[in-house]
Amino acid sequence: MPSADQLRSFADSVPTLAWSAVDGAAESFNQRWLDYTGLSASEGSGAGWKAVIHPDDLPRLLDTFQRARESCEPFEFEGRLRAQRAMSKRAGSTVVEAKGSHAVYVSQPRAVADLIAKAANSVALATQ
């Protein structure tokens, strides 16, 4: 099983925004997410991440997320994120979840999500 430092290093190496959550409460972010949003890790933790979602997009995101959690199916969502410079940007998100692990959320492209899924599967196979 990879250590927390190894997972953090991997998350910081992806060329996109990435974060992890347990039961919808964010608990870690890659450096690119922190730089983009201007929030600290403690400000974004728990429900704090909601502050960077455009208010018109947040209800739809929460509904989409809840349906995905109930069905245990991956989801994609396109909405606007507040950047550090107080501008909104269109950004997509894909959730990848390996059995028995935390969910990892990444913005597009889909190839990054596929890479994370392959890495999670490799780790799962190696620990069996």
N, C-alpha and C. Protein backbone atom coordinates (compact mmCIF):
# COMPACT_ATOMS: atom_id res chain seq x y z
N MET A 1 0.85 -1.17 0.00
CA MET A 1 0.00 0.00 0.00
C MET A 1 0.89 1.24 0.00
N PRO A 2 0.64 2.19 -0.90
CA PRO A 2 1.46 3.40 -0.95
C PRO A 2 1.28 4.23 0.32
N SER A 3 2.33 4.92 0.71
CA SER A 3 2.25 5.80 1.88
C SER A 3 1.52 7.09 1.51
N ALA A 4 1.13 7.85 2.52
CA ALA A 4 0.47 9.14 2.28
C ALA A 4 1.39 10.07 1.50
N ASP A 5 2.69 10.04 1.80
CA ASP A 5 3.64 10.88 1.07
C ASP A 5 3.74 10.47 -0.40
N GLN A 6 3.70 9.17 -0.69
CA GLN A 6 3.75 8.70 -2.07
C GLN A 6 2.50 9.13 -2.83
N LEU A 7 1.33 9.02 -2.19
CA LEU A 7 0.09 9.44 -2.84
C LEU A 7 0.08 10.95 -3.08
N ARG A 8 0.57 11.72 -2.12
CA ARG A 8 0.64 13.17 -2.28
C ARG A 8 1.58 13.54 -3.43
N SER A 9 2.71 12.85 -3.50
CA SER A 9 3.67 13.10 -4.58
C SER A 9 3.05 12.78 -5.94
N PHE A 10 2.31 11.66 -6.00
CA PHE A 10 1.63 11.30 -7.25
C PHE A 10 0.60 12.36 -7.62
N ALA A 11 -0.21 12.79 -6.65
CA ALA A 11 -1.24 13.80 -6.93
C ALA A 11 -0.62 15.10 -7.40
N ASP A 12 0.51 15.48 -6.82
CA ASP A 12 1.18 16.71 -7.25
C ASP A 12 1.81 16.59 -8.62
N SER A 13 2.03 15.36 -9.09
CA SER A 13 2.67 15.18 -10.40
C SER A 13 1.68 15.21 -11.57
N VAL A 14 0.39 15.06 -11.31
CA VAL A 14 -0.58 15.08 -12.41
C VAL A 14 -0.76 16.52 -12.89
N PRO A 15 -0.94 16.70 -14.20
CA PRO A 15 -1.00 18.05 -14.76
C PRO A 15 -2.39 18.69 -14.69
N THR A 16 -3.09 18.47 -13.59
CA THR A 16 -4.45 18.96 -13.47
C THR A 16 -4.80 19.12 -12.00
N LEU A 17 -5.98 19.64 -11.72
CA LEU A 17 -6.44 19.78 -10.34
C LEU A 17 -6.87 18.41 -9.82
N ALA A 18 -6.47 18.08 -8.59
CA ALA A 18 -6.86 16.78 -8.01
C ALA A 18 -7.10 16.95 -6.52
N TRP A 19 -8.07 16.20 -6.01
CA TRP A 19 -8.35 16.21 -4.58
C TRP A 19 -8.98 14.90 -4.19
N SER A 20 -8.98 14.61 -2.90
CA SER A 20 -9.61 13.38 -2.42
C SER A 20 -10.63 13.73 -1.36
N ALA A 21 -11.60 12.84 -1.21
CA ALA A 21 -12.69 13.09 -0.25
C ALA A 21 -13.18 11.77 0.30
N VAL A 22 -13.71 11.83 1.49
CA VAL A 22 -14.37 10.69 2.12
C VAL A 22 -15.78 11.15 2.46
N ASP A 23 -16.78 10.43 1.95
CA ASP A 23 -18.18 10.78 2.19
C ASP A 23 -18.50 12.23 1.85
N GLY A 24 -17.88 12.74 0.80
CA GLY A 24 -18.17 14.10 0.34
C GLY A 24 -17.39 15.19 1.05
N ALA A 25 -16.62 14.84 2.06
CA ALA A 25 -15.83 15.83 2.79
C ALA A 25 -14.39 15.78 2.27
N ALA A 26 -13.95 16.86 1.66
CA ALA A 26 -12.60 16.91 1.10
C ALA A 26 -11.57 16.82 2.22
N GLU A 27 -10.49 16.07 1.92
CA GLU A 27 -9.45 15.95 2.95
C GLU A 27 -8.05 16.24 2.45
N SER A 28 -7.83 16.18 1.15
CA SER A 28 -6.50 16.55 0.65
C SER A 28 -6.62 17.07 -0.78
N PHE A 29 -5.63 17.89 -1.15
CA PHE A 29 -5.61 18.57 -2.45
C PHE A 29 -4.20 18.54 -3.00
N ASN A 30 -4.08 18.48 -4.33
CA ASN A 30 -2.74 18.61 -4.87
C ASN A 30 -2.37 20.09 -4.92
N GLN A 31 -1.08 20.35 -5.10
CA GLN A 31 -0.60 21.74 -5.08
C GLN A 31 -1.24 22.57 -6.17
N ARG A 32 -1.50 21.96 -7.33
CA ARG A 32 -2.12 22.70 -8.44
C ARG A 32 -3.51 23.21 -8.04
N TRP A 33 -4.29 22.39 -7.31
CA TRP A 33 -5.63 22.81 -6.84
C TRP A 33 -5.49 23.98 -5.87
N LEU A 34 -4.55 23.88 -4.94
CA LEU A 34 -4.35 24.95 -3.96
C LEU A 34 -3.92 26.24 -4.65
N ASP A 35 -3.00 26.13 -5.61
CA ASP A 35 -2.53 27.31 -6.35
C ASP A 35 -3.66 27.93 -7.17
N TYR A 36 -4.45 27.09 -7.82
CA TYR A 36 -5.52 27.59 -8.69
C TYR A 36 -6.60 28.31 -7.89
N THR A 37 -7.04 27.69 -6.79
CA THR A 37 -8.15 28.26 -6.02
C THR A 37 -7.72 29.34 -5.05
N GLY A 38 -6.46 29.31 -4.62
CA GLY A 38 -6.00 30.27 -3.64
C GLY A 38 -6.38 29.92 -2.22
N LEU A 39 -7.03 28.77 -2.02
CA LEU A 39 -7.38 28.32 -0.68
C LEU A 39 -6.23 27.50 -0.10
N SER A 40 -6.12 27.51 1.21
CA SER A 40 -5.18 26.61 1.87
C SER A 40 -5.86 25.25 1.99
N ALA A 41 -5.09 24.23 2.31
CA ALA A 41 -5.67 22.89 2.50
C ALA A 41 -6.71 22.91 3.61
N SER A 42 -6.46 23.64 4.68
CA SER A 42 -7.44 23.68 5.78
C SER A 42 -8.71 24.43 5.37
N GLU A 43 -8.58 25.46 4.55
CA GLU A 43 -9.77 26.20 4.09
C GLU A 43 -10.63 25.34 3.15
N GLY A 44 -9.99 24.48 2.35
CA GLY A 44 -10.73 23.65 1.41
C GLY A 44 -11.28 22.38 2.02
N SER A 45 -10.75 21.97 3.16
CA SER A 45 -11.15 20.71 3.79
C SER A 45 -12.61 20.71 4.22
N GLY A 46 -13.12 19.48 4.42
CA GLY A 46 -14.53 19.33 4.81
C GLY A 46 -15.41 19.83 3.70
N ALA A 47 -16.27 20.78 4.00
CA ALA A 47 -17.16 21.37 3.00
C ALA A 47 -16.59 22.66 2.42
N GLY A 48 -15.39 23.05 2.84
CA GLY A 48 -14.80 24.30 2.39
C GLY A 48 -14.58 24.39 0.89
N TRP A 49 -14.41 23.24 0.22
CA TRP A 49 -14.21 23.22 -1.23
C TRP A 49 -15.39 23.83 -1.98
N LYS A 50 -16.57 23.83 -1.35
CA LYS A 50 -17.76 24.37 -2.02
C LYS A 50 -17.62 25.85 -2.33
N ALA A 51 -16.75 26.54 -1.60
CA ALA A 51 -16.57 27.98 -1.80
C ALA A 51 -16.02 28.31 -3.18
N VAL A 52 -15.36 27.36 -3.84
CA VAL A 52 -14.78 27.66 -5.16
C VAL A 52 -15.68 27.24 -6.31
N ILE A 53 -16.81 26.61 -6.01
CA ILE A 53 -17.76 26.22 -7.05
C ILE A 53 -18.71 27.39 -7.29
N HIS A 54 -18.95 27.72 -8.54
CA HIS A 54 -19.87 28.81 -8.85
C HIS A 54 -21.22 28.53 -8.20
N PRO A 55 -21.82 29.52 -7.54
CA PRO A 55 -23.09 29.28 -6.82
C PRO A 55 -24.22 28.74 -7.69
N ASP A 56 -24.22 29.08 -8.97
CA ASP A 56 -25.26 28.56 -9.86
C ASP A 56 -25.03 27.09 -10.20
N ASP A 57 -23.79 26.61 -10.08
CA ASP A 57 -23.45 25.23 -10.43
C ASP A 57 -23.46 24.28 -9.22
N LEU A 58 -23.34 24.83 -8.01
CA LEU A 58 -23.20 24.00 -6.81
C LEU A 58 -24.37 23.05 -6.58
N PRO A 59 -25.64 23.49 -6.65
CA PRO A 59 -26.73 22.54 -6.41
C PRO A 59 -26.72 21.35 -7.39
N ARG A 60 -26.42 21.63 -8.64
CA ARG A 60 -26.39 20.56 -9.65
C ARG A 60 -25.22 19.61 -9.37
N LEU A 61 -24.08 20.16 -8.96
CA LEU A 61 -22.93 19.33 -8.62
C LEU A 61 -23.25 18.44 -7.42
N LEU A 62 -23.83 19.00 -6.38
CA LEU A 62 -24.15 18.20 -5.18
C LEU A 62 -25.15 17.10 -5.50
N ASP A 63 -26.13 17.41 -6.35
CA ASP A 63 -27.11 16.40 -6.76
C ASP A 63 -26.44 15.29 -7.57
N THR A 64 -25.60 15.68 -8.52
CA THR A 64 -24.88 14.70 -9.35
C THR A 64 -23.98 13.83 -8.48
N PHE A 65 -23.29 14.46 -7.55
CA PHE A 65 -22.39 13.73 -6.65
C PHE A 65 -23.16 12.74 -5.78
N GLN A 66 -24.30 13.18 -5.23
CA GLN A 66 -25.09 12.30 -4.37
C GLN A 66 -25.61 11.08 -5.16
N ARG A 67 -26.09 11.32 -6.37
CA ARG A 67 -26.57 10.19 -7.19
C ARG A 67 -25.43 9.23 -7.51
N ALA A 68 -24.24 9.75 -7.77
CA ALA A 68 -23.09 8.89 -8.06
C ALA A 68 -22.69 8.08 -6.82
N ARG A 69 -22.75 8.69 -5.66
CA ARG A 69 -22.42 7.96 -4.42
C ARG A 69 -23.44 6.84 -4.17
N GLU A 70 -24.72 7.13 -4.40
CA GLU A 70 -25.75 6.12 -4.16
C GLU A 70 -25.65 4.96 -5.14
N SER A 71 -25.28 5.25 -6.38
CA SER A 71 -25.20 4.21 -7.41
C SER A 71 -23.82 3.57 -7.48
N CYS A 72 -22.84 4.15 -6.79
CA CYS A 72 -21.44 3.67 -6.84
C CYS A 72 -20.90 3.70 -8.27
N GLU A 73 -21.36 4.64 -9.05
CA GLU A 73 -20.91 4.78 -10.43
C GLU A 73 -20.06 6.03 -10.58
N PRO A 74 -19.03 5.99 -11.44
CA PRO A 74 -18.25 7.19 -11.72
C PRO A 74 -19.14 8.27 -12.34
N PHE A 75 -18.74 9.51 -12.20
CA PHE A 75 -19.51 10.59 -12.81
C PHE A 75 -18.58 11.64 -13.37
N GLU A 76 -19.13 12.41 -14.30
CA GLU A 76 -18.42 13.57 -14.82
C GLU A 76 -19.33 14.76 -14.62
N PHE A 77 -18.72 15.89 -14.33
CA PHE A 77 -19.48 17.11 -14.09
C PHE A 77 -18.71 18.27 -14.69
N GLU A 78 -19.41 19.14 -15.38
CA GLU A 78 -18.78 20.33 -15.90
C GLU A 78 -19.41 21.53 -15.24
N GLY A 79 -18.58 22.36 -14.66
CA GLY A 79 -19.05 23.55 -13.97
C GLY A 79 -17.95 24.59 -13.91
N ARG A 80 -18.22 25.66 -13.21
CA ARG A 80 -17.26 26.76 -13.12
C ARG A 80 -16.61 26.77 -11.74
N LEU A 81 -15.27 26.91 -11.74
CA LEU A 81 -14.50 27.01 -10.51
C LEU A 81 -13.97 28.43 -10.37
N ARG A 82 -14.02 28.95 -9.16
CA ARG A 82 -13.44 30.26 -8.91
C ARG A 82 -11.93 30.10 -8.82
N ALA A 83 -11.25 30.84 -9.65
CA ALA A 83 -9.79 30.82 -9.61
C ALA A 83 -9.30 31.82 -8.57
N GLN A 84 -8.05 31.72 -8.25
CA GLN A 84 -7.45 32.61 -7.27
C GLN A 84 -7.65 34.06 -7.67
N ARG A 85 -7.68 34.34 -8.94
CA ARG A 85 -7.84 35.71 -9.41
C ARG A 85 -9.31 36.11 -9.51
N ALA A 86 -10.17 35.39 -8.78
CA ALA A 86 -11.61 35.68 -8.71
C ALA A 86 -12.29 35.62 -10.07
N MET A 87 -11.82 34.75 -10.94
CA MET A 87 -12.49 34.55 -12.22
C MET A 87 -13.09 33.16 -12.24
N SER A 88 -14.09 32.95 -13.05
CA SER A 88 -14.68 31.62 -13.18
C SER A 88 -14.13 30.96 -14.42
N LYS A 89 -13.98 29.65 -14.35
CA LYS A 89 -13.43 28.90 -15.49
C LYS A 89 -14.24 27.62 -15.64
N ARG A 90 -14.51 27.26 -16.85
CA ARG A 90 -15.16 25.98 -17.10
C ARG A 90 -14.17 24.88 -16.78
N ALA A 91 -14.61 23.90 -16.00
CA ALA A 91 -13.72 22.78 -15.66
C ALA A 91 -14.55 21.54 -15.49
N GLY A 92 -14.06 20.42 -15.95
CA GLY A 92 -14.76 19.16 -15.78
C GLY A 92 -14.15 18.39 -14.63
N SER A 93 -14.87 17.40 -14.14
CA SER A 93 -14.34 16.58 -13.06
C SER A 93 -14.76 15.15 -13.27
N THR A 94 -13.87 14.24 -13.01
CA THR A 94 -14.14 12.82 -13.11
C THR A 94 -13.75 12.20 -11.78
N VAL A 95 -14.59 11.31 -11.26
CA VAL A 95 -14.26 10.65 -10.01
C VAL A 95 -13.76 9.25 -10.32
N VAL A 96 -12.70 8.84 -9.66
CA VAL A 96 -12.15 7.51 -9.79
C VAL A 96 -12.07 6.93 -8.40
N GLU A 97 -12.64 5.77 -8.17
CA GLU A 97 -12.62 5.18 -6.84
C GLU A 97 -12.23 3.72 -6.94
N ALA A 98 -11.18 3.36 -6.24
CA ALA A 98 -10.75 1.97 -6.17
C ALA A 98 -11.40 1.33 -4.96
N LYS A 99 -11.78 0.09 -5.08
CA LYS A 99 -12.44 -0.60 -3.97
C LYS A 99 -11.60 -0.50 -2.70
N GLY A 100 -12.24 -0.08 -1.62
CA GLY A 100 -11.56 0.02 -0.35
C GLY A 100 -10.66 1.24 -0.21
N SER A 101 -10.83 2.23 -1.09
CA SER A 101 -9.96 3.40 -1.01
C SER A 101 -10.81 4.66 -0.97
N HIS A 102 -10.13 5.77 -0.83
CA HIS A 102 -10.79 7.06 -0.91
C HIS A 102 -11.07 7.38 -2.37
N ALA A 103 -12.03 8.23 -2.61
CA ALA A 103 -12.30 8.70 -3.96
C ALA A 103 -11.25 9.75 -4.32
N VAL A 104 -10.88 9.78 -5.57
CA VAL A 104 -9.96 10.79 -6.08
C VAL A 104 -10.68 11.52 -7.20
N TYR A 105 -10.71 12.83 -7.13
CA TYR A 105 -11.39 13.63 -8.13
C TYR A 105 -10.34 14.37 -8.95
N VAL A 106 -10.49 14.34 -10.26
CA VAL A 106 -9.55 15.03 -11.12
C VAL A 106 -10.31 15.80 -12.17
N SER A 107 -9.75 16.94 -12.56
CA SER A 107 -10.36 17.65 -13.67
C SER A 107 -9.92 16.97 -14.96
N GLN A 108 -10.51 17.34 -16.07
CA GLN A 108 -10.20 16.73 -17.34
C GLN A 108 -8.72 16.91 -17.64
N PRO A 109 -8.07 16.16 -18.45
CA PRO A 109 -8.64 15.23 -19.40
C PRO A 109 -8.89 13.84 -18.81
N ARG A 110 -9.72 13.12 -19.48
CA ARG A 110 -10.10 11.76 -19.06
C ARG A 110 -8.87 10.86 -18.91
N ALA A 111 -7.85 11.11 -19.69
CA ALA A 111 -6.64 10.29 -19.63
C ALA A 111 -6.03 10.30 -18.24
N VAL A 112 -6.13 11.41 -17.52
CA VAL A 112 -5.58 11.47 -16.16
C VAL A 112 -6.37 10.55 -15.25
N ALA A 113 -7.70 10.55 -15.39
CA ALA A 113 -8.53 9.66 -14.59
C ALA A 113 -8.21 8.20 -14.89
N ASP A 114 -7.99 7.89 -16.16
CA ASP A 114 -7.62 6.52 -16.54
C ASP A 114 -6.29 6.12 -15.91
N LEU A 115 -5.34 7.06 -15.90
CA LEU A 115 -4.04 6.80 -15.29
C LEU A 115 -4.18 6.50 -13.79
N ILE A 116 -5.00 7.26 -13.10
CA ILE A 116 -5.20 7.04 -11.66
C ILE A 116 -5.88 5.69 -11.43
N ALA A 117 -6.86 5.35 -12.25
CA ALA A 117 -7.55 4.07 -12.10
C ALA A 117 -6.57 2.91 -12.30
N LYS A 118 -5.71 3.01 -13.31
CA LYS A 118 -4.72 1.95 -13.55
C LYS A 118 -3.76 1.83 -12.38
N ALA A 119 -3.32 2.97 -11.84
CA ALA A 119 -2.40 2.94 -10.70
C ALA A 119 -3.09 2.32 -9.48
N ALA A 120 -4.34 2.67 -9.24
CA ALA A 120 -5.08 2.11 -8.10
C ALA A 120 -5.25 0.60 -8.26
N ASN A 121 -5.55 0.15 -9.48
CA ASN A 121 -5.69 -1.28 -9.72
C ASN A 121 -4.38 -2.02 -9.53
N SER A 122 -3.27 -1.40 -9.96
CA SER A 122 -1.96 -2.01 -9.77
C SER A 122 -1.63 -2.18 -8.30
N VAL A 123 -1.95 -1.15 -7.52
CA VAL A 123 -1.71 -1.20 -6.07
C VAL A 123 -2.57 -2.29 -5.44
N ALA A 124 -3.84 -2.37 -5.86
CA ALA A 124 -4.74 -3.39 -5.31
C ALA A 124 -4.24 -4.80 -5.62
N LEU A 125 -3.77 -5.02 -6.85
CA LEU A 125 -3.25 -6.32 -7.23
C LEU A 125 -1.98 -6.67 -6.44
N ALA A 126 -1.15 -5.67 -6.23
CA ALA A 126 0.11 -5.90 -5.53
C ALA A 126 -0.08 -6.22 -4.05
N THR A 127 -1.19 -5.77 -3.48
CA THR A 127 -1.42 -5.99 -2.05
C THR A 127 -2.29 -7.20 -1.77
N GLN A 128 -2.69 -7.92 -2.80
CA GLN A 128 -3.52 -9.12 -2.60
C GLN A 128 -2.68 -10.32 -2.25
